[in-house]
């Protein structure tokens, strides 16, 4: 099975019990032995959150506040 995301990818959360849908973050770590799990550092959160691949989507355009910086 091939990984969908890599470390550093900008992602947005889909509906899940971990974070509100639409929350932006960055892939912090890819688990070595489990291909579909990632630690994601979400904007405004104090630490990374373990997320399933199907609860994330790749962001190709940064959020508006990120473009200004």
N, C-alpha and C. Protein backbone atom coordinates (compact mmCIF):
# COMPACT_ATOMS: atom_id res chain seq x y z
N UNK A 1 0.83 -1.18 0.00
CA UNK A 1 0.00 0.00 0.00
C UNK A 1 0.88 1.25 0.00
N UNK A 2 0.54 2.23 -0.82
CA UNK A 2 1.34 3.44 -0.95
C UNK A 2 0.80 4.55 -0.04
N UNK A 3 1.71 5.30 0.55
CA UNK A 3 1.32 6.44 1.39
C UNK A 3 0.71 7.54 0.54
N UNK A 4 -0.31 8.19 1.07
CA UNK A 4 -0.95 9.31 0.39
C UNK A 4 -0.25 10.61 0.76
N UNK A 5 0.19 10.72 2.02
CA UNK A 5 0.80 11.95 2.53
C UNK A 5 2.25 11.71 2.91
N UNK A 6 3.01 12.80 2.94
CA UNK A 6 4.39 12.73 3.42
C UNK A 6 4.59 13.83 4.47
N UNK A 7 5.64 13.72 5.26
CA UNK A 7 5.93 14.70 6.29
C UNK A 7 6.03 16.09 5.64
N UNK A 8 5.35 17.04 6.26
CA UNK A 8 5.35 18.41 5.75
C UNK A 8 4.16 18.77 4.91
N UNK A 9 3.38 17.78 4.45
CA UNK A 9 2.20 18.07 3.64
C UNK A 9 1.18 18.87 4.45
N UNK A 10 0.57 19.84 3.81
CA UNK A 10 -0.51 20.62 4.42
C UNK A 10 -1.80 19.85 4.20
N UNK A 11 -2.57 19.63 5.25
CA UNK A 11 -3.79 18.84 5.18
C UNK A 11 -4.95 19.57 5.87
N UNK A 12 -6.16 19.09 5.58
CA UNK A 12 -7.38 19.58 6.22
C UNK A 12 -8.13 18.36 6.74
N UNK A 13 -8.68 18.49 7.95
CA UNK A 13 -9.40 17.38 8.57
C UNK A 13 -10.77 17.22 7.94
N UNK A 14 -11.15 15.98 7.70
CA UNK A 14 -12.52 15.63 7.35
C UNK A 14 -13.25 15.34 8.66
N UNK A 15 -14.57 15.18 8.63
CA UNK A 15 -15.29 14.90 9.88
C UNK A 15 -14.70 13.69 10.62
N UNK A 16 -14.39 13.90 11.91
CA UNK A 16 -13.87 12.83 12.76
C UNK A 16 -14.13 13.22 14.21
N UNK A 17 -13.83 12.32 15.11
CA UNK A 17 -14.01 12.63 16.53
C UNK A 17 -12.78 13.32 17.13
N UNK A 18 -11.70 13.42 16.36
CA UNK A 18 -10.45 13.98 16.88
C UNK A 18 -10.39 15.50 16.84
N UNK A 19 -10.73 16.08 15.70
CA UNK A 19 -10.69 17.54 15.52
C UNK A 19 -11.88 17.95 14.66
N UNK A 20 -12.29 19.22 14.74
CA UNK A 20 -13.40 19.67 13.90
C UNK A 20 -13.07 19.59 12.41
N UNK A 21 -14.05 19.24 11.61
CA UNK A 21 -13.86 19.18 10.16
C UNK A 21 -13.42 20.55 9.66
N UNK A 22 -12.49 20.56 8.73
CA UNK A 22 -12.00 21.80 8.15
C UNK A 22 -10.78 22.37 8.83
N UNK A 23 -10.35 21.76 9.94
CA UNK A 23 -9.16 22.23 10.65
C UNK A 23 -7.92 21.95 9.81
N UNK A 24 -7.08 22.97 9.65
CA UNK A 24 -5.85 22.81 8.87
C UNK A 24 -4.70 22.35 9.76
N UNK A 25 -3.78 21.61 9.17
CA UNK A 25 -2.61 21.17 9.89
C UNK A 25 -1.52 20.72 8.93
N UNK A 26 -0.46 20.19 9.50
CA UNK A 26 0.67 19.71 8.71
C UNK A 26 1.07 18.33 9.21
N UNK A 27 1.36 17.42 8.26
CA UNK A 27 1.78 16.07 8.64
C UNK A 27 3.11 16.19 9.38
N UNK A 28 3.12 15.69 10.60
CA UNK A 28 4.27 15.79 11.50
C UNK A 28 5.13 14.53 11.41
N UNK A 29 4.45 13.36 11.31
CA UNK A 29 5.16 12.08 11.29
C UNK A 29 4.31 11.02 10.60
N UNK A 30 4.95 10.17 9.83
CA UNK A 30 4.30 9.02 9.21
C UNK A 30 4.73 7.78 9.99
N UNK A 31 3.78 6.98 10.41
CA UNK A 31 4.14 5.77 11.15
C UNK A 31 4.77 4.75 10.20
N UNK A 32 5.82 4.13 10.64
CA UNK A 32 6.60 3.23 9.80
C UNK A 32 5.84 1.95 9.45
N UNK A 33 5.21 1.33 10.43
CA UNK A 33 4.59 0.02 10.21
C UNK A 33 3.12 0.07 9.84
N UNK A 34 2.49 1.23 9.98
CA UNK A 34 1.07 1.34 9.67
C UNK A 34 0.91 2.46 8.64
N UNK A 35 0.65 2.08 7.41
CA UNK A 35 0.68 3.02 6.29
C UNK A 35 -0.41 4.08 6.36
N UNK A 36 -1.58 3.79 6.92
CA UNK A 36 -2.69 4.74 6.84
C UNK A 36 -2.87 5.60 8.10
N UNK A 37 -1.85 5.68 8.97
CA UNK A 37 -1.92 6.53 10.16
C UNK A 37 -0.82 7.58 10.13
N UNK A 38 -1.18 8.79 10.54
CA UNK A 38 -0.26 9.92 10.52
C UNK A 38 -0.43 10.74 11.79
N UNK A 39 0.66 11.31 12.29
CA UNK A 39 0.56 12.32 13.33
C UNK A 39 0.50 13.67 12.61
N UNK A 40 -0.52 14.45 12.94
CA UNK A 40 -0.72 15.74 12.30
C UNK A 40 -0.70 16.82 13.37
N UNK A 41 0.08 17.88 13.12
CA UNK A 41 0.07 19.04 14.00
C UNK A 41 -0.95 20.02 13.44
N UNK A 42 -2.11 20.11 14.11
CA UNK A 42 -3.16 21.01 13.64
C UNK A 42 -2.92 22.41 14.16
N UNK A 43 -3.31 23.39 13.38
CA UNK A 43 -3.16 24.79 13.74
C UNK A 43 -3.89 25.05 15.06
N UNK A 44 -3.21 25.68 15.99
CA UNK A 44 -3.81 26.04 17.26
C UNK A 44 -3.82 24.93 18.31
N UNK A 45 -3.37 23.74 17.97
CA UNK A 45 -3.33 22.62 18.92
C UNK A 45 -1.94 22.57 19.56
N UNK A 46 -1.87 22.07 20.79
CA UNK A 46 -0.59 22.04 21.50
C UNK A 46 0.31 20.89 21.09
N UNK A 47 -0.25 19.81 20.60
CA UNK A 47 0.56 18.66 20.22
C UNK A 47 -0.05 17.94 19.03
N UNK A 48 0.71 17.04 18.40
CA UNK A 48 0.20 16.31 17.24
C UNK A 48 -0.94 15.36 17.61
N UNK A 49 -1.80 15.11 16.63
CA UNK A 49 -2.96 14.22 16.77
C UNK A 49 -2.79 13.06 15.81
N UNK A 50 -3.03 11.85 16.28
CA UNK A 50 -2.97 10.67 15.43
C UNK A 50 -4.24 10.62 14.58
N UNK A 51 -4.08 10.57 13.25
CA UNK A 51 -5.22 10.61 12.33
C UNK A 51 -5.11 9.50 11.30
N UNK A 52 -6.28 8.97 10.94
CA UNK A 52 -6.36 8.00 9.84
C UNK A 52 -6.32 8.76 8.51
N UNK A 53 -5.75 8.12 7.52
CA UNK A 53 -5.63 8.71 6.19
C UNK A 53 -6.99 9.16 5.63
N UNK A 54 -8.04 8.37 5.86
CA UNK A 54 -9.34 8.71 5.29
C UNK A 54 -10.03 9.88 6.00
N UNK A 55 -9.43 10.39 7.10
CA UNK A 55 -9.95 11.56 7.79
C UNK A 55 -9.18 12.83 7.44
N UNK A 56 -8.34 12.73 6.39
CA UNK A 56 -7.52 13.87 5.97
C UNK A 56 -7.65 14.08 4.47
N UNK A 57 -7.49 15.32 4.06
CA UNK A 57 -7.40 15.62 2.63
C UNK A 57 -6.24 16.57 2.41
N UNK A 58 -5.55 16.40 1.30
CA UNK A 58 -4.41 17.23 0.95
C UNK A 58 -4.88 18.63 0.59
N UNK A 59 -4.18 19.64 1.08
CA UNK A 59 -4.50 21.03 0.76
C UNK A 59 -3.49 21.51 -0.28
N UNK A 60 -3.99 21.90 -1.44
CA UNK A 60 -3.09 22.39 -2.49
C UNK A 60 -2.95 23.90 -2.43
N UNK A 61 -3.98 24.60 -1.92
CA UNK A 61 -3.93 26.05 -1.73
C UNK A 61 -3.89 26.34 -0.24
N UNK A 62 -2.91 27.12 0.23
CA UNK A 62 -2.85 27.41 1.67
C UNK A 62 -4.03 28.28 2.10
N UNK A 63 -4.41 28.24 3.36
CA UNK A 63 -5.48 29.12 3.84
C UNK A 63 -5.09 30.59 3.63
N UNK A 64 -6.06 31.47 3.57
CA UNK A 64 -5.83 32.89 3.26
C UNK A 64 -4.83 33.53 4.22
N UNK A 65 -4.91 33.20 5.51
CA UNK A 65 -4.00 33.82 6.47
C UNK A 65 -2.57 33.33 6.30
N UNK A 66 -2.38 32.16 5.69
CA UNK A 66 -1.03 31.64 5.46
C UNK A 66 -0.40 32.30 4.24
N UNK A 67 -1.24 32.70 3.26
CA UNK A 67 -0.73 33.36 2.05
C UNK A 67 -0.11 34.71 2.38
N UNK A 68 -0.65 35.40 3.38
CA UNK A 68 -0.17 36.74 3.73
C UNK A 68 1.19 36.71 4.40
N UNK A 69 1.55 35.58 5.01
CA UNK A 69 2.83 35.53 5.73
C UNK A 69 3.99 35.18 4.85
